[in-house]
Structures are given as C-alpha cells and as structure tokens.
C-alpha cells in the first residue's frame, strides 16, 4: 500500500524540479491530464497507478539527460 501524502509530495517535488506542468505530468505518466489536480483534491491512486507513475519518473530522468556532456567548445 502506498502512503498518499508521501506519494503526492514526491510528485510535487518531481514536477517542480523538472519544470513540467501538472497536466503534462499526468498525461504522460498515466494518460490523465487531471491526475495531479485530482491527487491534490484527495484522490488516492491504486498501487498499479502508483507503480506506473514511479516508472515514468525513473524513465523521465534517464530520457532527459543531454546527449553530449562536456563537449570541448
């Protein structure tokens, strides 16, 4: 079982750190642009949804890394 407040805090930190809109996060993570807003209103996601969100957050970090780091210019 997930801890709803900790889960919500993790998402809020993620969207803040990565500078993405809550609607984009919800749409890309679970196909629901209102997902974050619903969480803020008390929605408690299933463990399956929480796993999808966690997987999205893990993959997002890996996919958003610059291709060329430390290039000599």
Foldseek 3Di string as FASTA:
>chain_A
DDDLVVLLVVVVVLCVVVVHDQQVLCCVQPNGSCVNVVSVVPDDDDVVSSVSSVVVSVVVVVVPDDPDPPDDD
